[in-house]
Structures are given as C-alpha cells and as structure tokens.
Amino acid sequence: MTFHGKDPEPDQPEKVRTFHFKESKHADERTIQANDVYFYHGRRVGFWNNDGDDRTLVLATEAYEVREEPEAT
C-alpha cells in the first residue's frame, strides 16, 4: 500500500544461508554464507549473493562435497 508523501516499504532482503564444503576428499570442511549456490561442470561451484537486480560472486572454487546447514527451529 502506498501513501502520498511516503516511500513504499523496501523489499525484504533474501535469506542468507550457511553452506559447508570440502575442496577435496580429505580436506578440512570450510563454511561460507551466501544467498545461492550454483553447480558447474567439473566440481566447480559458485556462491552468490543477490542484492536487488545485482548479483555478486562471493566465492568460486572446486568442491568435493557441499551441504547446506539446516535452519534453526
């Protein structure tokens, strides 16, 4: 709803999710926070943040295993 003389409420930002990944089978697990993860050819992954119409690449790497941390209830 829009009122005269008042800006409309801004869109809610996307939820930041926590991901855990390993760069190889025997590597230590690493943690990153991003809005989305995309999987590409050859074990390549990209962690992205979305800000309105802009997308920012947070990290691009090779990953052996990727999992998302479940939301706290």
PDB file of N, CA and C in Angstrom:
ATOM      1  N   MET A   1       0.846  -1.163   0.000  1.00  0.00           N
ATOM      2  CA  MET A   1       0.000   0.000   0.000  1.00  0.00           C
ATOM      3  C   MET A   1       0.898   1.234   0.000  1.00  0.00           C
ATOM      4  N   THR A   2       0.578   2.214  -0.813  1.00  0.00           N
ATOM      5  CA  THR A   2       1.372   3.424  -0.931  1.00  0.00           C
ATOM      6  C   THR A   2       0.574   4.610  -0.407  1.00  0.00           C
ATOM      7  N   PHE A   3       1.216   5.414   0.415  1.00  0.00           N
ATOM      8  CA  PHE A   3       0.604   6.633   0.939  1.00  0.00           C
ATOM      9  C   PHE A   3       1.286   7.816   0.283  1.00  0.00           C
ATOM     10  N   HIS A   4       0.530   8.863   0.031  1.00  0.00           N
ATOM     11  CA  HIS A   4       1.115  10.054  -0.585  1.00  0.00           C
ATOM     12  C   HIS A   4       2.160  10.652   0.344  1.00  0.00           C
ATOM     13  N   GLY A   5       3.330  10.977  -0.224  1.00  0.00           N
ATOM     14  CA  GLY A   5       4.394  11.596   0.548  1.00  0.00           C
ATOM     15  C   GLY A   5       5.236  10.616   1.331  1.00  0.00           C
ATOM     16  N   LYS A   6       4.997   9.316   1.174  1.00  0.00           N
ATOM     17  CA  LYS A   6       5.768   8.320   1.911  1.00  0.00           C
ATOM     18  C   LYS A   6       6.278   7.271   0.921  1.00  0.00           C
ATOM     19  N   ASP A   7       7.558   6.927   1.040  1.00  0.00           N
ATOM     20  CA  ASP A   7       8.126   5.910   0.157  1.00  0.00           C
ATOM     21  C   ASP A   7       7.524   4.545   0.471  1.00  0.00           C
ATOM     22  N   PRO A   8       7.355   3.705  -0.550  1.00  0.00           N
ATOM     23  CA  PRO A   8       6.866   2.350  -0.285  1.00  0.00           C
ATOM     24  C   PRO A   8       7.905   1.563   0.519  1.00  0.00           C
ATOM     25  N   GLU A   9       7.440   0.561   1.228  1.00  0.00           N
ATOM     26  CA  GLU A   9       8.351  -0.253   2.034  1.00  0.00           C
ATOM     27  C   GLU A   9       9.316  -0.990   1.108  1.00  0.00           C
ATOM     28  N   PRO A  10      10.588  -1.057   1.496  1.00  0.00           N
ATOM     29  CA  PRO A  10      11.563  -1.758   0.650  1.00  0.00           C
ATOM     30  C   PRO A  10      11.305  -3.269   0.672  1.00  0.00           C
ATOM     31  N   ASP A  11      11.754  -3.933  -0.400  1.00  0.00           N
ATOM     32  CA  ASP A  11      11.635  -5.391  -0.454  1.00  0.00           C
ATOM     33  C   ASP A  11      12.492  -6.009   0.641  1.00  0.00           C
ATOM     34  N   GLN A  12      12.030  -7.136   1.144  1.00  0.00           N
ATOM     35  CA  GLN A  12      12.807  -7.850   2.155  1.00  0.00           C
ATOM     36  C   GLN A  12      14.039  -8.466   1.498  1.00  0.00           C
ATOM     37  N   PRO A  13      15.205  -8.384   2.156  1.00  0.00           N
ATOM     38  CA  PRO A  13      16.407  -8.988   1.570  1.00  0.00           C
ATOM     39  C   PRO A  13      16.279 -10.514   1.570  1.00  0.00           C
ATOM     40  N   GLU A  14      16.980 -11.144   0.627  1.00  0.00           N
ATOM     41  CA  GLU A  14      16.954 -12.599   0.574  1.00  0.00           C
ATOM     42  C   GLU A  14      17.658 -13.183   1.784  1.00  0.00           C
ATOM     43  N   LYS A  15      17.209 -14.362   2.173  1.00  0.00           N
ATOM     44  CA  LYS A  15      17.774 -15.047   3.327  1.00  0.00           C
ATOM     45  C   LYS A  15      19.208 -15.477   3.019  1.00  0.00           C
ATOM     46  N   VAL A  16      20.118 -15.209   3.942  1.00  0.00           N
ATOM     47  CA  VAL A  16      21.498 -15.663   3.819  1.00  0.00           C
ATOM     48  C   VAL A  16      21.559 -17.072   4.393  1.00  0.00           C
ATOM     49  N   ARG A  17      22.096 -17.991   3.598  1.00  0.00           N
ATOM     50  CA  ARG A  17      22.171 -19.389   4.012  1.00  0.00           C
ATOM     51  C   ARG A  17      23.623 -19.753   4.298  1.00  0.00           C
ATOM     52  N   THR A  18      23.823 -20.726   5.167  1.00  0.00           N
ATOM     53  CA  THR A  18      25.163 -21.183   5.527  1.00  0.00           C
ATOM     54  C   THR A  18      25.438 -22.501   4.822  1.00  0.00           C
ATOM     55  N   PHE A  19      26.574 -22.557   4.117  1.00  0.00           N
ATOM     56  CA  PHE A  19      26.982 -23.758   3.402  1.00  0.00           C
ATOM     57  C   PHE A  19      28.315 -24.253   3.959  1.00  0.00           C
ATOM     58  N   HIS A  20      28.483 -25.553   3.951  1.00  0.00           N
ATOM     59  CA  HIS A  20      29.740 -26.190   4.334  1.00  0.00           C
ATOM     60  C   HIS A  20      30.248 -26.949   3.118  1.00  0.00           C
ATOM     61  N   PHE A  21      31.547 -26.867   2.853  1.00  0.00           N
ATOM     62  CA  PHE A  21      32.090 -27.556   1.687  1.00  0.00           C
ATOM     63  C   PHE A  21      33.509 -28.017   1.953  1.00  0.00           C
ATOM     64  N   LYS A  22      33.927 -29.027   1.190  1.00  0.00           N
ATOM     65  CA  LYS A  22      35.301 -29.525   1.206  1.00  0.00           C
ATOM     66  C   LYS A  22      35.862 -29.370  -0.197  1.00  0.00           C
ATOM     67  N   GLU A  23      37.129 -28.959  -0.285  1.00  0.00           N
ATOM     68  CA  GLU A  23      37.751 -28.784  -1.582  1.00  0.00           C
ATOM     69  C   GLU A  23      38.331 -30.084  -2.131  1.00  0.00           C
ATOM     70  N   SER A  24      38.512 -31.072  -1.265  1.00  0.00           N
ATOM     71  CA  SER A  24      38.920 -32.408  -1.696  1.00  0.00           C
ATOM     72  C   SER A  24      38.422 -33.406  -0.664  1.00  0.00           C
ATOM     73  N   LYS A  25      38.555 -34.674  -0.967  1.00  0.00           N
ATOM     74  CA  LYS A  25      38.000 -35.725  -0.101  1.00  0.00           C
ATOM     75  C   LYS A  25      38.551 -35.660   1.323  1.00  0.00           C
ATOM     76  N   HIS A  26      39.828 -35.361   1.466  1.00  0.00           N
ATOM     77  CA  HIS A  26      40.471 -35.382   2.788  1.00  0.00           C
ATOM     78  C   HIS A  26      40.727 -33.979   3.352  1.00  0.00           C
ATOM     79  N   ALA A  27      40.200 -32.956   2.736  1.00  0.00           N
ATOM     80  CA  ALA A  27      40.405 -31.573   3.198  1.00  0.00           C
ATOM     81  C   ALA A  27      39.498 -31.262   4.383  1.00  0.00           C
ATOM     82  N   ASP A  28      39.862 -30.239   5.124  1.00  0.00           N
ATOM     83  CA  ASP A  28      39.015 -29.759   6.216  1.00  0.00           C
ATOM     84  C   ASP A  28      37.780 -29.087   5.631  1.00  0.00           C
ATOM     85  N   GLU A  29      36.693 -29.176   6.380  1.00  0.00           N
ATOM     86  CA  GLU A  29      35.456 -28.543   5.933  1.00  0.00           C
ATOM     87  C   GLU A  29      35.540 -27.041   6.146  1.00  0.00           C
ATOM     88  N   ARG A  30      35.061 -26.279   5.170  1.00  0.00           N
ATOM     89  CA  ARG A  30      35.023 -24.825   5.246  1.00  0.00           C
ATOM     90  C   ARG A  30      33.576 -24.369   5.266  1.00  0.00           C
ATOM     91  N   THR A  31      33.348 -23.164   5.769  1.00  0.00           N
ATOM     92  CA  THR A  31      31.998 -22.613   5.894  1.00  0.00           C
ATOM     93  C   THR A  31      31.933 -21.278   5.175  1.00  0.00           C
ATOM     94  N   ILE A  32      30.805 -21.029   4.502  1.00  0.00           N
ATOM     95  CA  ILE A  32      30.581 -19.760   3.817  1.00  0.00           C
ATOM     96  C   ILE A  32      29.100 -19.421   3.916  1.00  0.00           C
ATOM     97  N   GLN A  33      28.793 -18.122   3.920  1.00  0.00           N
ATOM     98  CA  GLN A  33      27.403 -17.669   3.922  1.00  0.00           C
ATOM     99  C   GLN A  33      27.124 -16.947   2.608  1.00  0.00           C
ATOM    100  N   ALA A  34      26.033 -17.338   1.962  1.00  0.00           N
ATOM    101  CA  ALA A  34      25.638 -16.739   0.687  1.00  0.00           C
ATOM    102  C   ALA A  34      24.144 -16.972   0.489  1.00  0.00           C
ATOM    103  N   ASN A  35      23.584 -16.277  -0.511  1.00  0.00           N
ATOM    104  CA  ASN A  35      22.174 -16.477  -0.831  1.00  0.00           C
ATOM    105  C   ASN A  35      21.948 -17.745  -1.645  1.00  0.00           C
ATOM    106  N   ASP A  36      22.820 -18.012  -2.617  1.00  0.00           N
ATOM    107  CA  ASP A  36      22.635 -19.146  -3.525  1.00  0.00           C
ATOM    108  C   ASP A  36      23.951 -19.843  -3.792  1.00  0.00           C
ATOM    109  N   VAL A  37      23.838 -21.115  -4.184  1.00  0.00           N
ATOM    110  CA  VAL A  37      24.991 -21.863  -4.673  1.00  0.00           C
ATOM    111  C   VAL A  37      24.614 -22.440  -6.032  1.00  0.00           C
ATOM    112  N   TYR A  38      25.525 -22.331  -6.974  1.00  0.00           N
ATOM    113  CA  TYR A  38      25.323 -22.893  -8.311  1.00  0.00           C
ATOM    114  C   TYR A  38      26.428 -23.892  -8.585  1.00  0.00           C
ATOM    115  N   PHE A  39      26.048 -24.995  -9.204  1.00  0.00           N
ATOM    116  CA  PHE A  39      26.998 -26.059  -9.520  1.00  0.00           C
ATOM    117  C   PHE A  39      27.293 -26.023 -11.012  1.00  0.00           C
ATOM    118  N   TYR A  40      28.569 -26.069 -11.346  1.00  0.00           N
ATOM    119  CA  TYR A  40      29.016 -26.008 -12.720  1.00  0.00           C
ATOM    120  C   TYR A  40      29.733 -27.307 -13.067  1.00  0.00           C
ATOM    121  N   HIS A  41      30.189 -27.420 -14.286  1.00  0.00           N
ATOM    122  CA  HIS A  41      30.877 -28.610 -14.770  1.00  0.00           C
ATOM    123  C   HIS A  41      32.205 -28.824 -14.035  1.00  0.00           C
ATOM    124  N   GLY A  42      32.552 -30.060 -13.778  1.00  0.00           N
ATOM    125  CA  GLY A  42      33.869 -30.394 -13.239  1.00  0.00           C
ATOM    126  C   GLY A  42      34.076 -30.017 -11.785  1.00  0.00           C
ATOM    127  N   ARG A  43      33.104 -30.244 -10.925  1.00  0.00           N
ATOM    128  CA  ARG A  43      33.178 -29.972  -9.482  1.00  0.00           C
ATOM    129  C   ARG A  43      33.312 -28.493  -9.158  1.00  0.00           C
ATOM    130  N   ARG A  44      33.067 -27.625 -10.089  1.00  0.00           N
ATOM    131  CA  ARG A  44      33.150 -26.190  -9.814  1.00  0.00           C
ATOM    132  C   ARG A  44      31.825 -25.703  -9.236  1.00  0.00           C
ATOM    133  N   VAL A  45      31.931 -24.859  -8.235  1.00  0.00           N
ATOM    134  CA  VAL A  45      30.744 -24.271  -7.610  1.00  0.00           C
ATOM    135  C   VAL A  45      30.952 -22.769  -7.467  1.00  0.00           C
ATOM    136  N   GLY A  46      29.854 -22.043  -7.432  1.00  0.00           N
ATOM    137  CA  GLY A  46      29.893 -20.603  -7.199  1.00  0.00           C
ATOM    138  C   GLY A  46      28.889 -20.243  -6.122  1.00  0.00           C
ATOM    139  N   PHE A  47      29.316 -19.484  -5.148  1.00  0.00           N
ATOM    140  CA  PHE A  47      28.444 -18.995  -4.077  1.00  0.00           C
ATOM    141  C   PHE A  47      28.138 -17.538  -4.390  1.00  0.00           C
ATOM    142  N   TRP A  48      26.845 -17.197  -4.484  1.00  0.00           N
ATOM    143  CA  TRP A  48      26.402 -15.888  -4.949  1.00  0.00           C
ATOM    144  C   TRP A  48      25.527 -15.192  -3.925  1.00  0.00           C
ATOM    145  N   ASN A  49      25.641 -13.864  -3.867  1.00  0.00           N
ATOM    146  CA  ASN A  49      24.720 -13.027  -3.098  1.00  0.00           C
ATOM    147  C   ASN A  49      23.886 -12.219  -4.070  1.00  0.00           C
ATOM    148  N   ASN A  50      22.614 -12.045  -3.753  1.00  0.00           N
ATOM    149  CA  ASN A  50      21.689 -11.271  -4.574  1.00  0.00           C
ATOM    150  C   ASN A  50      21.313 -10.003  -3.824  1.00  0.00           C
ATOM    151  N   ASP A  51      21.403  -8.881  -4.511  1.00  0.00           N
ATOM    152  CA  ASP A  51      21.035  -7.598  -3.927  1.00  0.00           C
ATOM    153  C   ASP A  51      20.186  -6.848  -4.938  1.00  0.00           C
ATOM    154  N   GLY A  52      18.894  -7.068  -4.867  1.00  0.00           N
ATOM    155  CA  GLY A  52      18.004  -6.443  -5.848  1.00  0.00           C
ATOM    156  C   GLY A  52      18.272  -7.032  -7.217  1.00  0.00           C
ATOM    157  N   ASP A  53      18.643  -6.180  -8.168  1.00  0.00           N
ATOM    158  CA  ASP A  53      18.938  -6.639  -9.522  1.00  0.00           C
ATOM    159  C   ASP A  53      20.396  -7.055  -9.691  1.00  0.00           C
ATOM    160  N   ASP A  54      21.228  -6.805  -8.694  1.00  0.00           N
ATOM    161  CA  ASP A  54      22.649  -7.123  -8.779  1.00  0.00           C
ATOM    162  C   ASP A  54      22.937  -8.480  -8.154  1.00  0.00           C
ATOM    163  N   ARG A  55      23.881  -9.185  -8.759  1.00  0.00           N
ATOM    164  CA  ARG A  55      24.368 -10.454  -8.197  1.00  0.00           C
ATOM    165  C   ARG A  55      25.868 -10.319  -8.014  1.00  0.00           C
ATOM    166  N   THR A  56      26.365 -10.771  -6.881  1.00  0.00           N
ATOM    167  CA  THR A  56      27.786 -10.676  -6.575  1.00  0.00           C
ATOM    168  C   THR A  56      28.329 -12.063  -6.298  1.00  0.00           C
ATOM    169  N   LEU A  57      29.393 -12.426  -6.990  1.00  0.00           N
ATOM    170  CA  LEU A  57      30.050 -13.701  -6.753  1.00  0.00           C
ATOM    171  C   LEU A  57      30.869 -13.590  -5.479  1.00  0.00           C
ATOM    172  N   VAL A  58      30.547 -14.410  -4.488  1.00  0.00           N
ATOM    173  CA  VAL A  58      31.257 -14.390  -3.208  1.00  0.00           C
ATOM    174  C   VAL A  58      32.501 -15.268  -3.290  1.00  0.00           C
ATOM    175  N   LEU A  59      32.338 -16.474  -3.862  1.00  0.00           N
ATOM    176  CA  LEU A  59      33.458 -17.410  -3.965  1.00  0.00           C
ATOM    177  C   LEU A  59      33.202 -18.374  -5.105  1.00  0.00           C
ATOM    178  N   ALA A  60      34.211 -18.606  -5.921  1.00  0.00           N
ATOM    179  CA  ALA A  60      34.176 -19.641  -6.947  1.00  0.00           C
ATOM    180  C   ALA A  60      35.322 -20.595  -6.644  1.00  0.00           C
ATOM    181  N   THR A  61      35.033 -21.887  -6.561  1.00  0.00           N
ATOM    182  CA  THR A  61      36.053 -22.861  -6.192  1.00  0.00           C
ATOM    183  C   THR A  61      35.655 -24.230  -6.708  1.00  0.00           C
ATOM    184  N   GLU A  62      36.544 -25.193  -6.561  1.00  0.00           N
ATOM    185  CA  GLU A  62      36.191 -26.582  -6.792  1.00  0.00           C
ATOM    186  C   GLU A  62      35.794 -27.163  -5.446  1.00  0.00           C
ATOM    187  N   ALA A  63      34.785 -27.999  -5.454  1.00  0.00           N
ATOM    188  CA  ALA A  63      34.309 -28.575  -4.197  1.00  0.00           C
ATOM    189  C   ALA A  63      34.030 -30.053  -4.379  1.00  0.00           C
ATOM    190  N   TYR A  64      34.486 -30.823  -3.438  1.00  0.00           N
ATOM    191  CA  TYR A  64      34.247 -32.259  -3.447  1.00  0.00           C
ATOM    192  C   TYR A  64      32.869 -32.563  -2.876  1.00  0.00           C
ATOM    193  N   GLU A  65      32.473 -31.800  -1.878  1.00  0.00           N
ATOM    194  CA  GLU A  65      31.206 -32.044  -1.178  1.00  0.00           C
ATOM    195  C   GLU A  65      30.654 -30.709  -0.690  1.00  0.00           C
ATOM    196  N   VAL A  66      29.350 -30.461  -0.901  1.00  0.00           N
ATOM    197  CA  VAL A  66      28.703 -29.230  -0.451  1.00  0.00           C
ATOM    198  C   VAL A  66      27.430 -29.611   0.262  1.00  0.00           C
ATOM    199  N   ARG A  67      27.197 -29.009   1.411  1.00  0.00           N
ATOM    200  CA  ARG A  67      25.929 -29.224   2.120  1.00  0.00           C
ATOM    201  C   ARG A  67      25.473 -27.908   2.736  1.00  0.00           C
ATOM    202  N   GLU A  68      24.159 -27.787   2.873  1.00  0.00           N
ATOM    203  CA  GLU A  68      23.589 -26.587   3.481  1.00  0.00           C
ATOM    204  C   GLU A  68      23.258 -26.875   4.937  1.00  0.00           C
ATOM    205  N   GLU A  69      23.606 -25.925   5.803  1.00  0.00           N
ATOM    206  CA  GLU A  69      23.277 -26.070   7.220  1.00  0.00           C
ATOM    207  C   GLU A  69      21.770 -25.893   7.387  1.00  0.00           C
ATOM    208  N   PRO A  70      21.111 -26.812   8.093  1.00  0.00           N
ATOM    209  CA  PRO A  70      19.671 -26.669   8.278  1.00  0.00           C
ATOM    210  C   PRO A  70      19.340 -25.443   9.115  1.00  0.00           C
ATOM    211  N   GLU A  71      18.149 -24.874   8.867  1.00  0.00           N
ATOM    212  CA  GLU A  71      17.708 -23.711   9.626  1.00  0.00           C
ATOM    213  C   GLU A  71      17.413 -24.110  11.070  1.00  0.00           C
ATOM    214  N   ALA A  72      17.740 -23.214  11.991  1.00  0.00           N
ATOM    215  CA  ALA A  72      17.407 -23.441  13.398  1.00  0.00           C
ATOM    216  C   ALA A  72      15.903 -23.263  13.567  1.00  0.00           C
ATOM    217  N   THR A  73      15.298 -24.158  14.294  1.00  0.00           N
ATOM    218  CA  THR A  73      13.839 -24.051  14.508  1.00  0.00           C
ATOM    219  C   THR A  73      13.519 -23.627  15.908  1.00  0.00           C
TER     220      THR A  73
END
